[in-house]
Amino acid sequence: MSTFAPEPVFEEPWHAQLFALTVHLNETGRFDWPDWAARFSETLKRHGLERELNGGDDYFNAWLETLEALLADSGEAGDGERVRMRQAWEQAYLSTPHGQPVHLSD
């Protein structure tokens, strides 16, 4: 029996949240997974040419970029909506005390 704790699957909570959101959007029919995978692969290739990806923030920033582009291309989330949501999350993050969960206000 092992006496050490397993390493977390995700480096940061937002990585897990982004992954879960992407899976949820796929499961609810917002996009086709093979299309997602092809787009993500292209984003990784494009980012990988500039620098080596570490599987952490670089990887999930590429993931987020791909998801935002896919939602924009499909008409699911326009530029204005994405900008407003990003600003709302930034404001929530900046106004949340360190170590506390970040929540969007209603």
PDB file of N, CA and C in Angstrom:
ATOM      1  N   MET A   1       0.845  -1.175   0.000  1.00  0.00           N
ATOM      2  CA  MET A   1       0.000   0.000   0.000  1.00  0.00           C
ATOM      3  C   MET A   1       0.891   1.239   0.000  1.00  0.00           C
ATOM      4  N   SER A   2       0.575   2.176  -0.878  1.00  0.00           N
ATOM      5  CA  SER A   2       1.362   3.389  -1.016  1.00  0.00           C
ATOM      6  C   SER A   2       1.072   4.356   0.124  1.00  0.00           C
ATOM      7  N   THR A   3       2.103   5.074   0.544  1.00  0.00           N
ATOM      8  CA  THR A   3       1.928   6.025   1.637  1.00  0.00           C
ATOM      9  C   THR A   3       1.948   7.472   1.158  1.00  0.00           C
ATOM     10  N   PHE A   4       2.017   7.677  -0.147  1.00  0.00           N
ATOM     11  CA  PHE A   4       2.027   9.049  -0.646  1.00  0.00           C
ATOM     12  C   PHE A   4       0.730   9.339  -1.402  1.00  0.00           C
ATOM     13  N   ALA A   5       0.376  10.615  -1.407  1.00  0.00           N
ATOM     14  CA  ALA A   5      -0.847  11.044  -2.091  1.00  0.00           C
ATOM     15  C   ALA A   5      -0.577  11.159  -3.583  1.00  0.00           C
ATOM     16  N   PRO A   6      -1.543  10.805  -4.401  1.00  0.00           N
ATOM     17  CA  PRO A   6      -1.348  10.937  -5.844  1.00  0.00           C
ATOM     18  C   PRO A   6      -1.256  12.418  -6.235  1.00  0.00           C
ATOM     19  N   GLU A   7      -0.528  12.679  -7.310  1.00  0.00           N
ATOM     20  CA  GLU A   7      -0.428  14.049  -7.803  1.00  0.00           C
ATOM     21  C   GLU A   7      -1.766  14.453  -8.411  1.00  0.00           C
ATOM     22  N   PRO A   8      -2.120  15.739  -8.294  1.00  0.00           N
ATOM     23  CA  PRO A   8      -3.380  16.179  -8.900  1.00  0.00           C
ATOM     24  C   PRO A   8      -3.316  16.034 -10.426  1.00  0.00           C
ATOM     25  N   VAL A   9      -4.464  15.775 -11.021  1.00  0.00           N
ATOM     26  CA  VAL A   9      -4.536  15.621 -12.466  1.00  0.00           C
ATOM     27  C   VAL A   9      -4.328  16.974 -13.146  1.00  0.00           C
ATOM     28  N   PHE A  10      -4.823  18.038 -12.533  1.00  0.00           N
ATOM     29  CA  PHE A  10      -4.721  19.384 -13.085  1.00  0.00           C
ATOM     30  C   PHE A  10      -3.856  20.234 -12.158  1.00  0.00           C
ATOM     31  N   GLU A  11      -3.004  21.083 -12.757  1.00  0.00           N
ATOM     32  CA  GLU A  11      -2.152  21.957 -11.956  1.00  0.00           C
ATOM     33  C   GLU A  11      -2.941  23.026 -11.222  1.00  0.00           C
ATOM     34  N   GLU A  12      -3.971  23.554 -11.862  1.00  0.00           N
ATOM     35  CA  GLU A  12      -4.744  24.672 -11.317  1.00  0.00           C
ATOM     36  C   GLU A  12      -6.235  24.361 -11.398  1.00  0.00           C
ATOM     37  N   PRO A  13      -7.025  24.896 -10.481  1.00  0.00           N
ATOM     38  CA  PRO A  13      -8.471  24.667 -10.537  1.00  0.00           C
ATOM     39  C   PRO A  13      -9.104  25.118 -11.861  1.00  0.00           C
ATOM     40  N   TRP A  14      -8.615  26.219 -12.432  1.00  0.00           N
ATOM     41  CA  TRP A  14      -9.228  26.693 -13.675  1.00  0.00           C
ATOM     42  C   TRP A  14      -8.983  25.729 -14.822  1.00  0.00           C
ATOM     43  N   HIS A  15      -7.897  24.957 -14.764  1.00  0.00           N
ATOM     44  CA  HIS A  15      -7.654  23.944 -15.792  1.00  0.00           C
ATOM     45  C   HIS A  15      -8.772  22.895 -15.744  1.00  0.00           C
ATOM     46  N   ALA A  16      -9.085  22.438 -14.547  1.00  0.00           N
ATOM     47  CA  ALA A  16     -10.148  21.439 -14.376  1.00  0.00           C
ATOM     48  C   ALA A  16     -11.504  22.005 -14.776  1.00  0.00           C
ATOM     49  N   GLN A  17     -11.751  23.261 -14.413  1.00  0.00           N
ATOM     50  CA  GLN A  17     -13.034  23.884 -14.748  1.00  0.00           C
ATOM     51  C   GLN A  17     -13.190  24.047 -16.247  1.00  0.00           C
ATOM     52  N   LEU A  18     -12.123  24.462 -16.921  1.00  0.00           N
ATOM     53  CA  LEU A  18     -12.171  24.614 -18.371  1.00  0.00           C
ATOM     54  C   LEU A  18     -12.388  23.268 -19.049  1.00  0.00           C
ATOM     55  N   PHE A  19     -11.713  22.251 -18.565  1.00  0.00           N
ATOM     56  CA  PHE A  19     -11.894  20.902 -19.107  1.00  0.00           C
ATOM     57  C   PHE A  19     -13.343  20.450 -18.928  1.00  0.00           C
ATOM     58  N   ALA A  20     -13.875  20.623 -17.720  1.00  0.00           N
ATOM     59  CA  ALA A  20     -15.252  20.204 -17.434  1.00  0.00           C
ATOM     60  C   ALA A  20     -16.253  20.985 -18.284  1.00  0.00           C
ATOM     61  N   LEU A  21     -16.038  22.269 -18.453  1.00  0.00           N
ATOM     62  CA  LEU A  21     -16.929  23.079 -19.279  1.00  0.00           C
ATOM     63  C   LEU A  21     -16.911  22.590 -20.721  1.00  0.00           C
ATOM     64  N   THR A  22     -15.742  22.294 -21.241  1.00  0.00           N
ATOM     65  CA  THR A  22     -15.616  21.814 -22.614  1.00  0.00           C
ATOM     66  C   THR A  22     -16.346  20.487 -22.794  1.00  0.00           C
ATOM     67  N   VAL A  23     -16.153  19.574 -21.870  1.00  0.00           N
ATOM     68  CA  VAL A  23     -16.846  18.279 -21.936  1.00  0.00           C
ATOM     69  C   VAL A  23     -18.361  18.494 -21.866  1.00  0.00           C
ATOM     70  N   HIS A  24     -18.806  19.360 -20.971  1.00  0.00           N
ATOM     71  CA  HIS A  24     -20.240  19.641 -20.842  1.00  0.00           C
ATOM     72  C   HIS A  24     -20.809  20.211 -22.144  1.00  0.00           C
ATOM     73  N   LEU A  25     -20.120  21.171 -22.741  1.00  0.00           N
ATOM     74  CA  LEU A  25     -20.596  21.761 -23.994  1.00  0.00           C
ATOM     75  C   LEU A  25     -20.676  20.709 -25.098  1.00  0.00           C
ATOM     76  N   ASN A  26     -19.713  19.814 -25.128  1.00  0.00           N
ATOM     77  CA  ASN A  26     -19.759  18.727 -26.109  1.00  0.00           C
ATOM     78  C   ASN A  26     -20.927  17.779 -25.826  1.00  0.00           C
ATOM     79  N   GLU A  27     -21.093  17.394 -24.575  1.00  0.00           N
ATOM     80  CA  GLU A  27     -22.162  16.452 -24.221  1.00  0.00           C
ATOM     81  C   GLU A  27     -23.552  17.023 -24.447  1.00  0.00           C
ATOM     82  N   THR A  28     -23.681  18.348 -24.422  1.00  0.00           N
ATOM     83  CA  THR A  28     -24.990  18.968 -24.669  1.00  0.00           C
ATOM     84  C   THR A  28     -25.172  19.342 -26.134  1.00  0.00           C
ATOM     85  N   GLY A  29     -24.273  18.868 -26.989  1.00  0.00           N
ATOM     86  CA  GLY A  29     -24.435  19.028 -28.427  1.00  0.00           C
ATOM     87  C   GLY A  29     -23.986  20.358 -29.003  1.00  0.00           C
ATOM     88  N   ARG A  30     -23.197  21.131 -28.268  1.00  0.00           N
ATOM     89  CA  ARG A  30     -22.757  22.441 -28.766  1.00  0.00           C
ATOM     90  C   ARG A  30     -21.697  22.321 -29.849  1.00  0.00           C
ATOM     91  N   PHE A  31     -20.962  21.216 -29.854  1.00  0.00           N
ATOM     92  CA  PHE A  31     -19.972  20.985 -30.907  1.00  0.00           C
ATOM     93  C   PHE A  31     -19.624  19.508 -30.966  1.00  0.00           C
ATOM     94  N   ASP A  32     -19.004  19.136 -32.065  1.00  0.00           N
ATOM     95  CA  ASP A  32     -18.602  17.758 -32.339  1.00  0.00           C
ATOM     96  C   ASP A  32     -17.175  17.537 -31.817  1.00  0.00           C
ATOM     97  N   TRP A  33     -16.943  16.469 -31.053  1.00  0.00           N
ATOM     98  CA  TRP A  33     -15.628  16.251 -30.446  1.00  0.00           C
ATOM     99  C   TRP A  33     -14.513  16.096 -31.478  1.00  0.00           C
ATOM    100  N   PRO A  34     -14.701  15.363 -32.580  1.00  0.00           N
ATOM    101  CA  PRO A  34     -13.615  15.287 -33.564  1.00  0.00           C
ATOM    102  C   PRO A  34     -13.224  16.665 -34.127  1.00  0.00           C
ATOM    103  N   ASP A  35     -14.210  17.554 -34.326  1.00  0.00           N
ATOM    104  CA  ASP A  35     -13.910  18.912 -34.779  1.00  0.00           C
ATOM    105  C   ASP A  35     -13.097  19.636 -33.710  1.00  0.00           C
ATOM    106  N   TRP A  36     -13.530  19.504 -32.454  1.00  0.00           N
ATOM    107  CA  TRP A  36     -12.801  20.112 -31.338  1.00  0.00           C
ATOM    108  C   TRP A  36     -11.354  19.626 -31.316  1.00  0.00           C
ATOM    109  N   ALA A  37     -11.166  18.325 -31.407  1.00  0.00           N
ATOM    110  CA  ALA A  37      -9.822  17.743 -31.323  1.00  0.00           C
ATOM    111  C   ALA A  37      -8.932  18.243 -32.460  1.00  0.00           C
ATOM    112  N   ALA A  38      -9.480  18.344 -33.664  1.00  0.00           N
ATOM    113  CA  ALA A  38      -8.698  18.834 -34.802  1.00  0.00           C
ATOM    114  C   ALA A  38      -8.306  20.294 -34.597  1.00  0.00           C
ATOM    115  N   ARG A  39      -9.246  21.101 -34.119  1.00  0.00           N
ATOM    116  CA  ARG A  39      -8.957  22.515 -33.867  1.00  0.00           C
ATOM    117  C   ARG A  39      -7.910  22.669 -32.755  1.00  0.00           C
ATOM    118  N   PHE A  40      -8.065  21.907 -31.699  1.00  0.00           N
ATOM    119  CA  PHE A  40      -7.124  21.998 -30.581  1.00  0.00           C
ATOM    120  C   PHE A  40      -5.730  21.563 -31.028  1.00  0.00           C
ATOM    121  N   SER A  41      -5.675  20.529 -31.832  1.00  0.00           N
ATOM    122  CA  SER A  41      -4.400  20.060 -32.355  1.00  0.00           C
ATOM    123  C   SER A  41      -3.702  21.161 -33.159  1.00  0.00           C
ATOM    124  N   GLU A  42      -4.467  21.866 -33.980  1.00  0.00           N
ATOM    125  CA  GLU A  42      -3.906  22.967 -34.760  1.00  0.00           C
ATOM    126  C   GLU A  42      -3.410  24.096 -33.859  1.00  0.00           C
ATOM    127  N   THR A  43      -4.169  24.415 -32.811  1.00  0.00           N
ATOM    128  CA  THR A  43      -3.735  25.456 -31.880  1.00  0.00           C
ATOM    129  C   THR A  43      -2.445  25.039 -31.188  1.00  0.00           C
ATOM    130  N   LEU A  44      -2.382  23.795 -30.738  1.00  0.00           N
ATOM    131  CA  LEU A  44      -1.163  23.315 -30.082  1.00  0.00           C
ATOM    132  C   LEU A  44       0.030  23.374 -31.028  1.00  0.00           C
ATOM    133  N   LYS A  45      -0.172  22.974 -32.275  1.00  0.00           N
ATOM    134  CA  LYS A  45       0.917  23.035 -33.252  1.00  0.00           C
ATOM    135  C   LYS A  45       1.384  24.474 -33.428  1.00  0.00           C
ATOM    136  N   ARG A  46       0.425  25.388 -33.548  1.00  0.00           N
ATOM    137  CA  ARG A  46       0.772  26.793 -33.741  1.00  0.00           C
ATOM    138  C   ARG A  46       1.536  27.329 -32.531  1.00  0.00           C
ATOM    139  N   HIS A  47       1.090  27.014 -31.338  1.00  0.00           N
ATOM    140  CA  HIS A  47       1.773  27.473 -30.128  1.00  0.00           C
ATOM    141  C   HIS A  47       3.099  26.752 -29.923  1.00  0.00           C
ATOM    142  N   GLY A  48       3.140  25.508 -30.278  1.00  0.00           N
ATOM    143  CA  GLY A  48       4.349  24.709 -30.090  1.00  0.00           C
ATOM    144  C   GLY A  48       5.496  25.153 -30.962  1.00  0.00           C
ATOM    145  N   LEU A  49       5.188  25.792 -32.076  1.00  0.00           N
ATOM    146  CA  LEU A  49       6.252  26.284 -32.944  1.00  0.00           C
ATOM    147  C   LEU A  49       6.981  27.456 -32.302  1.00  0.00           C
ATOM    148  N   GLU A  50       6.306  28.189 -31.442  1.00  0.00           N
ATOM    149  CA  GLU A  50       6.898  29.352 -30.789  1.00  0.00           C
ATOM    150  C   GLU A  50       7.685  28.961 -29.543  1.00  0.00           C
ATOM    151  N   ARG A  51       7.226  27.984 -28.820  1.00  0.00           N
ATOM    152  CA  ARG A  51       7.880  27.575 -27.581  1.00  0.00           C
ATOM    153  C   ARG A  51       7.363  26.186 -27.204  1.00  0.00           C
ATOM    154  N   GLU A  52       8.093  25.498 -26.357  1.00  0.00           N
ATOM    155  CA  GLU A  52       7.666  24.183 -25.908  1.00  0.00           C
ATOM    156  C   GLU A  52       6.541  24.336 -24.879  1.00  0.00           C
ATOM    157  N   LEU A  53       5.469  23.600 -25.072  1.00  0.00           N
ATOM    158  CA  LEU A  53       4.355  23.664 -24.128  1.00  0.00           C
ATOM    159  C   LEU A  53       4.650  22.774 -22.931  1.00  0.00           C
ATOM    160  N   ASN A  54       4.265  23.230 -21.742  1.00  0.00           N
ATOM    161  CA  ASN A  54       4.613  22.497 -20.519  1.00  0.00           C
ATOM    162  C   ASN A  54       3.464  21.670 -19.957  1.00  0.00           C
ATOM    163  N   GLY A  55       2.284  21.685 -20.582  1.00  0.00           N
ATOM    164  CA  GLY A  55       1.155  20.921 -20.065  1.00  0.00           C
ATOM    165  C   GLY A  55       0.409  21.637 -18.959  1.00  0.00           C
ATOM    166  N   GLY A  56       0.857  22.823 -18.590  1.00  0.00           N
ATOM    167  CA  GLY A  56       0.197  23.605 -17.552  1.00  0.00           C
ATOM    168  C   GLY A  56      -0.574  24.758 -18.170  1.00  0.00           C
ATOM    169  N   ASP A  57      -0.244  25.964 -17.733  1.00  0.00           N
ATOM    170  CA  ASP A  57      -0.959  27.138 -18.221  1.00  0.00           C
ATOM    171  C   ASP A  57      -0.865  27.283 -19.740  1.00  0.00           C
ATOM    172  N   ASP A  58       0.322  27.027 -20.322  1.00  0.00           N
ATOM    173  CA  ASP A  58       0.445  27.131 -21.778  1.00  0.00           C
ATOM    174  C   ASP A  58      -0.569  26.238 -22.488  1.00  0.00           C
ATOM    175  N   TYR A  59      -0.669  25.019 -22.023  1.00  0.00           N
ATOM    176  CA  TYR A  59      -1.584  24.041 -22.615  1.00  0.00           C
ATOM    177  C   TYR A  59      -3.029  24.499 -22.473  1.00  0.00           C
ATOM    178  N   PHE A  60      -3.411  24.942 -21.290  1.00  0.00           N
ATOM    179  CA  PHE A  60      -4.804  25.311 -21.068  1.00  0.00           C
ATOM    180  C   PHE A  60      -5.149  26.688 -21.627  1.00  0.00           C
ATOM    181  N   ASN A  61      -4.164  27.565 -21.805  1.00  0.00           N
ATOM    182  CA  ASN A  61      -4.429  28.800 -22.531  1.00  0.00           C
ATOM    183  C   ASN A  61      -4.710  28.488 -23.995  1.00  0.00           C
ATOM    184  N   ALA A  62      -3.980  27.518 -24.560  1.00  0.00           N
ATOM    185  CA  ALA A  62      -4.261  27.068 -25.927  1.00  0.00           C
ATOM    186  C   ALA A  62      -5.648  26.417 -25.981  1.00  0.00           C
ATOM    187  N   TRP A  63      -5.997  25.660 -24.954  1.00  0.00           N
ATOM    188  CA  TRP A  63      -7.321  25.026 -24.865  1.00  0.00           C
ATOM    189  C   TRP A  63      -8.411  26.097 -24.884  1.00  0.00           C
ATOM    190  N   LEU A  64      -8.232  27.132 -24.035  1.00  0.00           N
ATOM    191  CA  LEU A  64      -9.208  28.216 -23.948  1.00  0.00           C
ATOM    192  C   LEU A  64      -9.320  28.962 -25.275  1.00  0.00           C
ATOM    193  N   GLU A  65      -8.185  29.242 -25.892  1.00  0.00           N
ATOM    194  CA  GLU A  65      -8.189  29.912 -27.198  1.00  0.00           C
ATOM    195  C   GLU A  65      -8.999  29.111 -28.211  1.00  0.00           C
ATOM    196  N   THR A  66      -8.806  27.805 -28.223  1.00  0.00           N
ATOM    197  CA  THR A  66      -9.526  26.934 -29.147  1.00  0.00           C
ATOM    198  C   THR A  66     -11.015  26.936 -28.855  1.00  0.00           C
ATOM    199  N   LEU A  67     -11.385  26.831 -27.587  1.00  0.00           N
ATOM    200  CA  LEU A  67     -12.800  26.804 -27.222  1.00  0.00           C
ATOM    201  C   LEU A  67     -13.479  28.118 -27.589  1.00  0.00           C
ATOM    202  N   GLU A  68     -12.829  29.233 -27.298  1.00  0.00           N
ATOM    203  CA  GLU A  68     -13.416  30.524 -27.644  1.00  0.00           C
ATOM    204  C   GLU A  68     -13.607  30.666 -29.147  1.00  0.00           C
ATOM    205  N   ALA A  69     -12.614  30.247 -29.938  1.00  0.00           N
ATOM    206  CA  ALA A  69     -12.721  30.336 -31.398  1.00  0.00           C
ATOM    207  C   ALA A  69     -13.834  29.431 -31.912  1.00  0.00           C
ATOM    208  N   LEU A  70     -13.935  28.228 -31.356  1.00  0.00           N
ATOM    209  CA  LEU A  70     -14.970  27.294 -31.783  1.00  0.00           C
ATOM    210  C   LEU A  70     -16.362  27.862 -31.489  1.00  0.00           C
ATOM    211  N   LEU A  71     -16.547  28.418 -30.303  1.00  0.00           N
ATOM    212  CA  LEU A  71     -17.848  28.985 -29.936  1.00  0.00           C
ATOM    213  C   LEU A  71     -18.177  30.213 -30.776  1.00  0.00           C
ATOM    214  N   ALA A  72     -17.176  30.995 -31.113  1.00  0.00           N
ATOM    215  CA  ALA A  72     -17.402  32.163 -31.977  1.00  0.00           C
ATOM    216  C   ALA A  72     -17.772  31.710 -33.386  1.00  0.00           C
ATOM    217  N   ASP A  73     -17.035  30.747 -33.919  1.00  0.00           N
ATOM    218  CA  ASP A  73     -17.294  30.263 -35.280  1.00  0.00           C
ATOM    219  C   ASP A  73     -18.667  29.628 -35.410  1.00  0.00           C
ATOM    220  N   SER A  74     -19.132  28.989 -34.343  1.00  0.00           N
ATOM    221  CA  SER A  74     -20.435  28.321 -34.387  1.00  0.00           C
ATOM    222  C   SER A  74     -21.589  29.261 -34.051  1.00  0.00           C
ATOM    223  N   GLY A  75     -21.267  30.478 -33.638  1.00  0.00           N
ATOM    224  CA  GLY A  75     -22.300  31.438 -33.262  1.00  0.00           C
ATOM    225  C   GLY A  75     -22.823  31.251 -31.849  1.00  0.00           C
ATOM    226  N   GLU A  76     -22.208  30.360 -31.078  1.00  0.00           N
ATOM    227  CA  GLU A  76     -22.642  30.093 -29.701  1.00  0.00           C
ATOM    228  C   GLU A  76     -22.290  31.239 -28.754  1.00  0.00           C
ATOM    229  N   ALA A  77     -21.185  31.931 -29.038  1.00  0.00           N
ATOM    230  CA  ALA A  77     -20.758  33.040 -28.180  1.00  0.00           C
ATOM    231  C   ALA A  77     -20.023  34.061 -29.032  1.00  0.00           C
ATOM    232  N   GLY A  78     -20.628  35.210 -29.205  1.00  0.00           N
ATOM    233  CA  GLY A  78     -20.022  36.267 -29.999  1.00  0.00           C
ATOM    234  C   GLY A  78     -18.920  36.983 -29.253  1.00  0.00           C
ATOM    235  N   ASP A  79     -18.197  37.823 -29.976  1.00  0.00           N
ATOM    236  CA  ASP A  79     -17.070  38.552 -29.384  1.00  0.00           C
ATOM    237  C   ASP A  79     -17.499  39.381 -28.179  1.00  0.00           C
ATOM    238  N   GLY A  80     -18.598  40.135 -28.311  1.00  0.00           N
ATOM    239  CA  GLY A  80     -19.052  40.980 -27.205  1.00  0.00           C
ATOM    240  C   GLY A  80     -19.385  40.183 -25.966  1.00  0.00           C
ATOM    241  N   GLU A  81     -20.037  39.055 -26.161  1.00  0.00           N
ATOM    242  CA  GLU A  81     -20.400  38.199 -25.024  1.00  0.00           C
ATOM    243  C   GLU A  81     -19.156  37.646 -24.333  1.00  0.00           C
ATOM    244  N   ARG A  82     -18.170  37.205 -25.125  1.00  0.00           N
ATOM    245  CA  ARG A  82     -16.929  36.678 -24.552  1.00  0.00           C
ATOM    246  C   ARG A  82     -16.177  37.757 -23.791  1.00  0.00           C
ATOM    247  N   VAL A  83     -16.128  38.981 -24.355  1.00  0.00           N
ATOM    248  CA  VAL A  83     -15.429  40.078 -23.691  1.00  0.00           C
ATOM    249  C   VAL A  83     -16.111  40.417 -22.372  1.00  0.00           C
ATOM    250  N   ARG A  84     -17.437  40.511 -22.371  1.00  0.00           N
ATOM    251  CA  ARG A  84     -18.175  40.807 -21.128  1.00  0.00           C
ATOM    252  C   ARG A  84     -17.940  39.725 -20.072  1.00  0.00           C
ATOM    253  N   MET A  85     -17.967  38.472 -20.494  1.00  0.00           N
ATOM    254  CA  MET A  85     -17.763  37.378 -19.541  1.00  0.00           C
ATOM    255  C   MET A  85     -16.341  37.399 -18.987  1.00  0.00           C
ATOM    256  N   ARG A  86     -15.376  37.631 -19.845  1.00  0.00           N
ATOM    257  CA  ARG A  86     -13.977  37.695 -19.403  1.00  0.00           C
ATOM    258  C   ARG A  86     -13.791  38.834 -18.395  1.00  0.00           C
ATOM    259  N   GLN A  87     -14.398  39.993 -18.676  1.00  0.00           N
ATOM    260  CA  GLN A  87     -14.306  41.134 -17.757  1.00  0.00           C
ATOM    261  C   GLN A  87     -14.990  40.839 -16.422  1.00  0.00           C
ATOM    262  N   ALA A  88     -16.122  40.148 -16.482  1.00  0.00           N
ATOM    263  CA  ALA A  88     -16.825  39.799 -15.243  1.00  0.00           C
ATOM    264  C   ALA A  88     -15.977  38.863 -14.392  1.00  0.00           C
ATOM    265  N   TRP A  89     -15.345  37.868 -15.023  1.00  0.00           N
ATOM    266  CA  TRP A  89     -14.486  36.954 -14.269  1.00  0.00           C
ATOM    267  C   TRP A  89     -13.265  37.678 -13.707  1.00  0.00           C
ATOM    268  N   GLU A  90     -12.704  38.593 -14.494  1.00  0.00           N
ATOM    269  CA  GLU A  90     -11.550  39.347 -14.005  1.00  0.00           C
ATOM    270  C   GLU A  90     -11.935  40.195 -12.797  1.00  0.00           C
ATOM    271  N   GLN A  91     -13.064  40.861 -12.868  1.00  0.00           N
ATOM    272  CA  GLN A  91     -13.529  41.672 -11.735  1.00  0.00           C
ATOM    273  C   GLN A  91     -13.789  40.791 -10.507  1.00  0.00           C
ATOM    274  N   ALA A  92     -14.406  39.635 -10.727  1.00  0.00           N
ATOM    275  CA  ALA A  92     -14.670  38.718  -9.613  1.00  0.00           C
ATOM    276  C   ALA A  92     -13.357  38.231  -8.997  1.00  0.00           C
ATOM    277  N   TYR A  93     -12.392  37.903  -9.847  1.00  0.00           N
ATOM    278  CA  TYR A  93     -11.099  37.434  -9.359  1.00  0.00           C
ATOM    279  C   TYR A  93     -10.392  38.518  -8.541  1.00  0.00           C
ATOM    280  N   LEU A  94     -10.383  39.744  -9.067  1.00  0.00           N
ATOM    281  CA  LEU A  94      -9.680  40.832  -8.393  1.00  0.00           C
ATOM    282  C   LEU A  94     -10.337  41.242  -7.081  1.00  0.00           C
ATOM    283  N   SER A  95     -11.618  41.000  -6.939  1.00  0.00           N
ATOM    284  CA  SER A  95     -12.314  41.410  -5.720  1.00  0.00           C
ATOM    285  C   SER A  95     -12.496  40.267  -4.718  1.00  0.00           C
ATOM    286  N   THR A  96     -11.953  39.111  -5.018  1.00  0.00           N
ATOM    287  CA  THR A  96     -12.071  37.957  -4.122  1.00  0.00           C
ATOM    288  C   THR A  96     -10.825  37.859  -3.245  1.00  0.00           C
ATOM    289  N   PRO A  97     -11.004  37.745  -1.931  1.00  0.00           N
ATOM    290  CA  PRO A  97      -9.833  37.601  -1.049  1.00  0.00           C
ATOM    291  C   PRO A  97      -9.021  36.357  -1.414  1.00  0.00           C
ATOM    292  N   HIS A  98      -7.712  36.488  -1.258  1.00  0.00           N
ATOM    293  CA  HIS A  98      -6.801  35.386  -1.568  1.00  0.00           C
ATOM    294  C   HIS A  98      -7.224  34.104  -0.846  1.00  0.00           C
ATOM    295  N   GLY A  99      -7.219  33.015  -1.569  1.00  0.00           N
ATOM    296  CA  GLY A  99      -7.548  31.717  -0.995  1.00  0.00           C
ATOM    297  C   GLY A  99      -9.024  31.387  -0.976  1.00  0.00           C
ATOM    298  N   GLN A 100      -9.854  32.331  -1.364  1.00  0.00           N
ATOM    299  CA  GLN A 100     -11.311  32.101  -1.380  1.00  0.00           C
ATOM    300  C   GLN A 100     -11.752  31.732  -2.796  1.00  0.00           C
ATOM    301  N   PRO A 101     -12.841  30.976  -2.921  1.00  0.00           N
ATOM    302  CA  PRO A 101     -13.336  30.661  -4.257  1.00  0.00           C
ATOM    303  C   PRO A 101     -13.835  31.906  -4.969  1.00  0.00           C
ATOM    304  N   VAL A 102     -13.627  31.950  -6.271  1.00  0.00           N
ATOM    305  CA  VAL A 102     -14.074  33.084  -7.087  1.00  0.00           C
ATOM    306  C   VAL A 102     -15.462  32.765  -7.626  1.00  0.00           C
ATOM    307  N   HIS A 103     -16.386  33.718  -7.442  1.00  0.00           N
ATOM    308  CA  HIS A 103     -17.752  33.549  -7.928  1.00  0.00           C
ATOM    309  C   HIS A 103     -18.168  34.793  -8.709  1.00  0.00           C
ATOM    310  N   LEU A 104     -18.925  34.580  -9.765  1.00  0.00           N
ATOM    311  CA  LEU A 104     -19.499  35.703 -10.493  1.00  0.00           C
ATOM    312  C   LEU A 104     -20.696  36.231  -9.726  1.00  0.00           C
ATOM    313  N   SER A 105     -20.841  37.554  -9.708  1.00  0.00           N
ATOM    314  CA  SER A 105     -22.032  38.124  -9.066  1.00  0.00           C
ATOM    315  C   SER A 105     -23.202  37.994 -10.023  1.00  0.00           C
ATOM    316  N   ASP A 106     -24.407  37.991  -9.477  1.00  0.00           N
ATOM    317  CA  ASP A 106     -25.603  37.849 -10.316  1.00  0.00           C
ATOM    318  C   ASP A 106     -25.893  39.085 -11.101  1.00  0.00           C
TER     319      ASP A 106
END
